[in-house]
């Protein structure tokens, strides 16, 4: 028996999968009142900024606020990174969220780019490549065939939580239903 683990419990967790394979910073969602205003730098961003845990970084803003730059500090000034290369800073988080008009109930990710010896935050929000909760829900409903009343009740809740328009829901619903070969119009 060659592949046995002796005198230790095998690791139970899986390795964290990077969401993006390019430099990106994510502003964590404010899931509840009092949640930390966290910036998360992925591995590619850490390499681009040449940062590691417990280094210091600074944010810089152009006078017209059209450029948000990030740099590693060589002195112990600025914002100190945690060992996992995150920072929590309410003032900076809220300033950037207001400046970019972000929905802080959602995670907001931005690509970092190197331009003119500066590392700048591309102010176009990256779209999550995974299905939204709404799309996942509709896919599940398409296979389960809930009664219309129950479906409508659940959809009202999902719409309110996702701030999604009814037209967007209809488009998702239609596309999900068209994929099903055994869809019965009379069921609804």
C-alpha atoms as a PDB file:
ATOM      1  CA  UNK A   1       0.000   0.000   0.000  1.00  0.00           C
ATOM      2  CA  UNK A   2       1.998   2.940  -1.284  1.00  0.00           C
ATOM      3  CA  UNK A   3      -0.468   5.849  -1.185  1.00  0.00           C
ATOM      4  CA  UNK A   4      -1.502   5.699   2.478  1.00  0.00           C
ATOM      5  CA  UNK A   5      -1.179   8.668   4.827  1.00  0.00           C
ATOM      6  CA  UNK A   6       0.403   7.530   8.095  1.00  0.00           C
ATOM      7  CA  UNK A   7       0.391   9.322  11.461  1.00  0.00           C
ATOM      8  CA  UNK A   8      -1.624  12.282  10.156  1.00  0.00           C
ATOM      9  CA  UNK A   9      -5.130  13.145   9.080  1.00  0.00           C
ATOM     10  CA  UNK A  10      -5.361  13.807   5.334  1.00  0.00           C
ATOM     11  CA  UNK A  11      -6.102  17.405   4.473  1.00  0.00           C
ATOM     12  CA  UNK A  12      -9.833  18.054   4.131  1.00  0.00           C
ATOM     13  CA  UNK A  13      -9.878  21.383   2.341  1.00  0.00           C
ATOM     14  CA  UNK A  14      -9.411  22.072  -1.320  1.00  0.00           C
ATOM     15  CA  UNK A  15      -7.055  24.723  -2.592  1.00  0.00           C
ATOM     16  CA  UNK A  16      -8.613  28.107  -3.277  1.00  0.00           C
ATOM     17  CA  UNK A  17      -9.232  28.616  -6.987  1.00  0.00           C
ATOM     18  CA  UNK A  18      -8.223  32.019  -8.356  1.00  0.00           C
ATOM     19  CA  UNK A  19     -11.179  33.804  -9.907  1.00  0.00           C
ATOM     20  CA  UNK A  20      -9.041  35.703 -12.445  1.00  0.00           C
ATOM     21  CA  UNK A  21      -5.773  34.767 -14.137  1.00  0.00           C
ATOM     22  CA  UNK A  22      -4.733  38.423 -14.501  1.00  0.00           C
ATOM     23  CA  UNK A  23      -3.977  41.063 -11.859  1.00  0.00           C
ATOM     24  CA  UNK A  24      -7.195  42.039 -10.085  1.00  0.00           C
ATOM     25  CA  UNK A  25      -8.314  43.603  -6.832  1.00  0.00           C
ATOM     26  CA  UNK A  26     -11.685  42.750  -5.324  1.00  0.00           C
ATOM     27  CA  UNK A  27     -13.668  44.919  -2.961  1.00  0.00           C
ATOM     28  CA  UNK A  28     -15.514  42.444  -0.750  1.00  0.00           C
ATOM     29  CA  UNK A  29     -19.288  42.631  -0.457  1.00  0.00           C
ATOM     30  CA  UNK A  30     -20.685  44.146   2.705  1.00  0.00           C
ATOM     31  CA  UNK A  31     -22.736  41.102   3.658  1.00  0.00           C
ATOM     32  CA  UNK A  32     -23.925  42.487   6.987  1.00  0.00           C
ATOM     33  CA  UNK A  33     -23.869  45.648   9.087  1.00  0.00           C
ATOM     34  CA  UNK A  34     -20.392  46.238  10.446  1.00  0.00           C
ATOM     35  CA  UNK A  35     -18.689  43.979   7.889  1.00  0.00           C
ATOM     36  CA  UNK A  36     -15.076  44.806   7.108  1.00  0.00           C
ATOM     37  CA  UNK A  37     -14.348  46.936   4.067  1.00  0.00           C
ATOM     38  CA  UNK A  38     -11.853  44.520   2.574  1.00  0.00           C
ATOM     39  CA  UNK A  39      -9.617  44.776  -0.511  1.00  0.00           C
ATOM     40  CA  UNK A  40      -8.388  41.405  -1.785  1.00  0.00           C
ATOM     41  CA  UNK A  41      -5.381  41.222  -4.133  1.00  0.00           C
ATOM     42  CA  UNK A  42      -5.178  38.036  -6.214  1.00  0.00           C
ATOM     43  CA  UNK A  43      -1.846  36.263  -6.823  1.00  0.00           C
ATOM     44  CA  UNK A  44      -1.280  38.025 -10.169  1.00  0.00           C
ATOM     45  CA  UNK A  45      -1.888  41.423  -8.547  1.00  0.00           C
ATOM     46  CA  UNK A  46       0.549  40.532  -5.762  1.00  0.00           C
ATOM     47  CA  UNK A  47       3.195  39.747  -8.388  1.00  0.00           C
ATOM     48  CA  UNK A  48       2.486  42.918 -10.388  1.00  0.00           C
ATOM     49  CA  UNK A  49       2.704  45.111  -7.273  1.00  0.00           C
ATOM     50  CA  UNK A  50       5.630  43.040  -5.919  1.00  0.00           C
ATOM     51  CA  UNK A  51       3.864  42.711  -2.569  1.00  0.00           C
ATOM     52  CA  UNK A  52       3.713  40.005   0.027  1.00  0.00           C
ATOM     53  CA  UNK A  53       1.995  39.711   3.377  1.00  0.00           C
ATOM     54  CA  UNK A  54       2.589  42.549   5.838  1.00  0.00           C
ATOM     55  CA  UNK A  55       4.004  44.948   3.218  1.00  0.00           C
ATOM     56  CA  UNK A  56       2.571  48.460   3.006  1.00  0.00           C
ATOM     57  CA  UNK A  57       0.654  49.909   0.056  1.00  0.00           C
ATOM     58  CA  UNK A  58      -0.863  53.278  -0.857  1.00  0.00           C
ATOM     59  CA  UNK A  59      -3.666  54.422  -3.114  1.00  0.00           C
ATOM     60  CA  UNK A  60      -3.191  57.555  -5.214  1.00  0.00           C
ATOM     61  CA  UNK A  61      -5.875  59.614  -6.955  1.00  0.00           C
ATOM     62  CA  UNK A  62      -5.502  62.105  -9.815  1.00  0.00           C
ATOM     63  CA  UNK A  63      -6.958  65.596  -9.212  1.00  0.00           C
ATOM     64  CA  UNK A  64      -9.996  64.828 -11.371  1.00  0.00           C
ATOM     65  CA  UNK A  65     -10.235  61.328  -9.804  1.00  0.00           C
ATOM     66  CA  UNK A  66     -10.099  59.665 -13.220  1.00  0.00           C
ATOM     67  CA  UNK A  67      -7.059  57.617 -12.173  1.00  0.00           C
ATOM     68  CA  UNK A  68      -6.770  55.383  -9.115  1.00  0.00           C
ATOM     69  CA  UNK A  69      -3.201  54.142  -8.672  1.00  0.00           C
ATOM     70  CA  UNK A  70      -1.810  51.580  -6.236  1.00  0.00           C
ATOM     71  CA  UNK A  71       1.811  51.254  -5.180  1.00  0.00           C
ATOM     72  CA  UNK A  72       3.952  49.301  -2.774  1.00  0.00           C
ATOM     73  CA  UNK A  73       5.534  51.496  -0.129  1.00  0.00           C
ATOM     74  CA  UNK A  74       9.183  50.981   0.708  1.00  0.00           C
ATOM     75  CA  UNK A  75       8.681  52.516   4.158  1.00  0.00           C
ATOM     76  CA  UNK A  76       6.220  51.499   6.841  1.00  0.00           C
ATOM     77  CA  UNK A  77       3.624  54.090   5.853  1.00  0.00           C
ATOM     78  CA  UNK A  78       0.268  53.644   4.200  1.00  0.00           C
ATOM     79  CA  UNK A  79      -1.967  50.622   4.610  1.00  0.00           C
ATOM     80  CA  UNK A  80      -0.463  47.424   6.018  1.00  0.00           C
ATOM     81  CA  UNK A  81      -1.404  44.207   4.244  1.00  0.00           C
ATOM     82  CA  UNK A  82      -2.429  41.131   6.188  1.00  0.00           C
ATOM     83  CA  UNK A  83      -0.435  37.936   5.764  1.00  0.00           C
ATOM     84  CA  UNK A  84      -2.865  36.932   2.988  1.00  0.00           C
ATOM     85  CA  UNK A  85      -2.447  40.248   1.105  1.00  0.00           C
ATOM     86  CA  UNK A  86      -5.739  41.864   2.019  1.00  0.00           C
ATOM     87  CA  UNK A  87      -6.434  45.203   3.651  1.00  0.00           C
ATOM     88  CA  UNK A  88      -9.434  46.568   5.470  1.00  0.00           C
ATOM     89  CA  UNK A  89      -9.768  50.331   5.366  1.00  0.00           C
ATOM     90  CA  UNK A  90     -13.208  51.878   5.732  1.00  0.00           C
ATOM     91  CA  UNK A  91     -12.254  55.367   4.517  1.00  0.00           C
ATOM     92  CA  UNK A  92     -10.559  54.194   1.292  1.00  0.00           C
ATOM     93  CA  UNK A  93     -13.212  51.524   0.603  1.00  0.00           C
ATOM     94  CA  UNK A  94     -16.109  53.950   0.957  1.00  0.00           C
ATOM     95  CA  UNK A  95     -14.345  56.664  -1.070  1.00  0.00           C
ATOM     96  CA  UNK A  96     -13.710  54.287  -3.993  1.00  0.00           C
ATOM     97  CA  UNK A  97     -17.221  52.799  -3.714  1.00  0.00           C
ATOM     98  CA  UNK A  98     -18.765  56.297  -3.919  1.00  0.00           C
ATOM     99  CA  UNK A  99     -16.383  57.445  -6.658  1.00  0.00           C
ATOM    100  CA  UNK A 100     -17.204  54.445  -8.862  1.00  0.00           C
ATOM    101  CA  UNK A 101     -20.869  54.270  -7.802  1.00  0.00           C
ATOM    102  CA  UNK A 102     -20.539  50.645  -6.660  1.00  0.00           C
ATOM    103  CA  UNK A 103     -23.208  48.404  -5.203  1.00  0.00           C
ATOM    104  CA  UNK A 104     -21.423  47.309  -2.024  1.00  0.00           C
ATOM    105  CA  UNK A 105     -23.900  44.484  -1.477  1.00  0.00           C
ATOM    106  CA  UNK A 106     -22.001  42.702  -4.254  1.00  0.00           C
ATOM    107  CA  UNK A 107     -18.354  41.818  -4.698  1.00  0.00           C
ATOM    108  CA  UNK A 108     -16.684  44.329  -7.050  1.00  0.00           C
ATOM    109  CA  UNK A 109     -13.539  43.281  -8.925  1.00  0.00           C
ATOM    110  CA  UNK A 110     -11.271  45.440 -11.050  1.00  0.00           C
ATOM    111  CA  UNK A 111      -8.345  44.683 -13.325  1.00  0.00           C
ATOM    112  CA  UNK A 112      -4.993  46.224 -12.439  1.00  0.00           C
ATOM    113  CA  UNK A 113      -2.880  47.529 -15.326  1.00  0.00           C
ATOM    114  CA  UNK A 114       0.634  48.876 -15.601  1.00  0.00           C
ATOM    115  CA  UNK A 115       0.776  52.229 -17.433  1.00  0.00           C
ATOM    116  CA  UNK A 116       3.567  54.802 -17.431  1.00  0.00           C
ATOM    117  CA  UNK A 117       5.317  53.189 -14.428  1.00  0.00           C
ATOM    118  CA  UNK A 118       2.059  53.244 -12.462  1.00  0.00           C
ATOM    119  CA  UNK A 119      -0.199  50.387 -11.425  1.00  0.00           C
ATOM    120  CA  UNK A 120      -3.706  51.681 -12.038  1.00  0.00           C
ATOM    121  CA  UNK A 121      -7.116  50.300 -11.270  1.00  0.00           C
ATOM    122  CA  UNK A 122      -9.134  49.941 -14.475  1.00  0.00           C
ATOM    123  CA  UNK A 123     -12.401  51.549 -13.439  1.00  0.00           C
ATOM    124  CA  UNK A 124     -14.554  49.163 -15.453  1.00  0.00           C
ATOM    125  CA  UNK A 125     -16.054  46.621 -13.067  1.00  0.00           C
ATOM    126  CA  UNK A 126     -15.289  43.008 -14.018  1.00  0.00           C
ATOM    127  CA  UNK A 127     -18.348  40.843 -14.503  1.00  0.00           C
ATOM    128  CA  UNK A 128     -18.414  37.600 -12.585  1.00  0.00           C
ATOM    129  CA  UNK A 129     -18.160  34.671 -14.965  1.00  0.00           C
ATOM    130  CA  UNK A 130     -20.185  32.405 -12.709  1.00  0.00           C
ATOM    131  CA  UNK A 131     -23.967  32.274 -12.854  1.00  0.00           C
ATOM    132  CA  UNK A 132     -25.793  34.737 -10.678  1.00  0.00           C
ATOM    133  CA  UNK A 133     -28.063  33.374  -7.968  1.00  0.00           C
ATOM    134  CA  UNK A 134     -30.996  34.321 -10.187  1.00  0.00           C
ATOM    135  CA  UNK A 135     -29.717  32.367 -13.208  1.00  0.00           C
ATOM    136  CA  UNK A 136     -28.928  29.358 -11.030  1.00  0.00           C
ATOM    137  CA  UNK A 137     -32.380  29.507  -9.461  1.00  0.00           C
ATOM    138  CA  UNK A 138     -34.097  29.693 -12.851  1.00  0.00           C
ATOM    139  CA  UNK A 139     -32.086  26.725 -14.112  1.00  0.00           C
ATOM    140  CA  UNK A 140     -33.229  24.751 -11.067  1.00  0.00           C
ATOM    141  CA  UNK A 141     -36.853  25.841 -11.509  1.00  0.00           C
ATOM    142  CA  UNK A 142     -36.768  24.852 -15.181  1.00  0.00           C
ATOM    143  CA  UNK A 143     -35.984  21.283 -14.147  1.00  0.00           C
ATOM    144  CA  UNK A 144     -38.259  21.098 -11.086  1.00  0.00           C
ATOM    145  CA  UNK A 145     -41.480  22.525 -12.598  1.00  0.00           C
ATOM    146  CA  UNK A 146     -42.812  24.388  -9.563  1.00  0.00           C
ATOM    147  CA  UNK A 147     -46.472  25.416  -9.510  1.00  0.00           C
ATOM    148  CA  UNK A 148     -46.943  28.905 -10.967  1.00  0.00           C
ATOM    149  CA  UNK A 149     -47.972  30.529  -7.658  1.00  0.00           C
ATOM    150  CA  UNK A 150     -44.932  29.178  -5.840  1.00  0.00           C
ATOM    151  CA  UNK A 151     -42.660  30.167  -8.727  1.00  0.00           C
ATOM    152  CA  UNK A 152     -44.028  33.753  -8.748  1.00  0.00           C
ATOM    153  CA  UNK A 153     -43.645  34.094  -4.974  1.00  0.00           C
ATOM    154  CA  UNK A 154     -40.041  32.929  -5.081  1.00  0.00           C
ATOM    155  CA  UNK A 155     -39.277  35.129  -8.102  1.00  0.00           C
ATOM    156  CA  UNK A 156     -40.529  38.233  -6.265  1.00  0.00           C
ATOM    157  CA  UNK A 157     -38.083  37.473  -3.450  1.00  0.00           C
ATOM    158  CA  UNK A 158     -35.191  36.846  -5.836  1.00  0.00           C
ATOM    159  CA  UNK A 159     -35.976  40.004  -7.817  1.00  0.00           C
ATOM    160  CA  UNK A 160     -35.900  42.099  -4.672  1.00  0.00           C
ATOM    161  CA  UNK A 161     -32.602  40.580  -3.508  1.00  0.00           C
ATOM    162  CA  UNK A 162     -30.849  40.875  -6.888  1.00  0.00           C
ATOM    163  CA  UNK A 163     -32.264  44.279  -7.920  1.00  0.00           C
ATOM    164  CA  UNK A 164     -33.106  42.671 -11.243  1.00  0.00           C
ATOM    165  CA  UNK A 165     -35.726  44.068 -13.579  1.00  0.00           C
ATOM    166  CA  UNK A 166     -38.708  41.954 -14.576  1.00  0.00           C
ATOM    167  CA  UNK A 167     -37.570  42.166 -18.214  1.00  0.00           C
ATOM    168  CA  UNK A 168     -34.212  40.592 -17.305  1.00  0.00           C
ATOM    169  CA  UNK A 169     -36.004  37.805 -15.446  1.00  0.00           C
ATOM    170  CA  UNK A 170     -38.315  37.211 -18.394  1.00  0.00           C
ATOM    171  CA  UNK A 171     -35.337  36.956 -20.754  1.00  0.00           C
ATOM    172  CA  UNK A 172     -33.580  34.474 -18.482  1.00  0.00           C
ATOM    173  CA  UNK A 173     -36.796  32.511 -17.969  1.00  0.00           C
ATOM    174  CA  UNK A 174     -37.488  32.364 -21.688  1.00  0.00           C
ATOM    175  CA  UNK A 175     -33.959  31.261 -22.526  1.00  0.00           C
ATOM    176  CA  UNK A 176     -34.037  28.606 -19.772  1.00  0.00           C
ATOM    177  CA  UNK A 177     -37.416  27.302 -20.892  1.00  0.00           C
ATOM    178  CA  UNK A 178     -36.434  27.198 -24.558  1.00  0.00           C
ATOM    179  CA  UNK A 179     -33.580  24.842 -23.701  1.00  0.00           C
ATOM    180  CA  UNK A 180     -35.974  22.280 -22.282  1.00  0.00           C
ATOM    181  CA  UNK A 181     -37.384  19.839 -24.829  1.00  0.00           C
ATOM    182  CA  UNK A 182     -40.225  18.705 -22.582  1.00  0.00           C
ATOM    183  CA  UNK A 183     -41.530  22.147 -21.606  1.00  0.00           C
ATOM    184  CA  UNK A 184     -45.316  22.209 -21.328  1.00  0.00           C
ATOM    185  CA  UNK A 185     -46.968  25.629 -21.763  1.00  0.00           C
ATOM    186  CA  UNK A 186     -50.143  24.360 -20.097  1.00  0.00           C
ATOM    187  CA  UNK A 187     -48.290  23.678 -16.856  1.00  0.00           C
ATOM    188  CA  UNK A 188     -47.991  27.425 -16.226  1.00  0.00           C
END
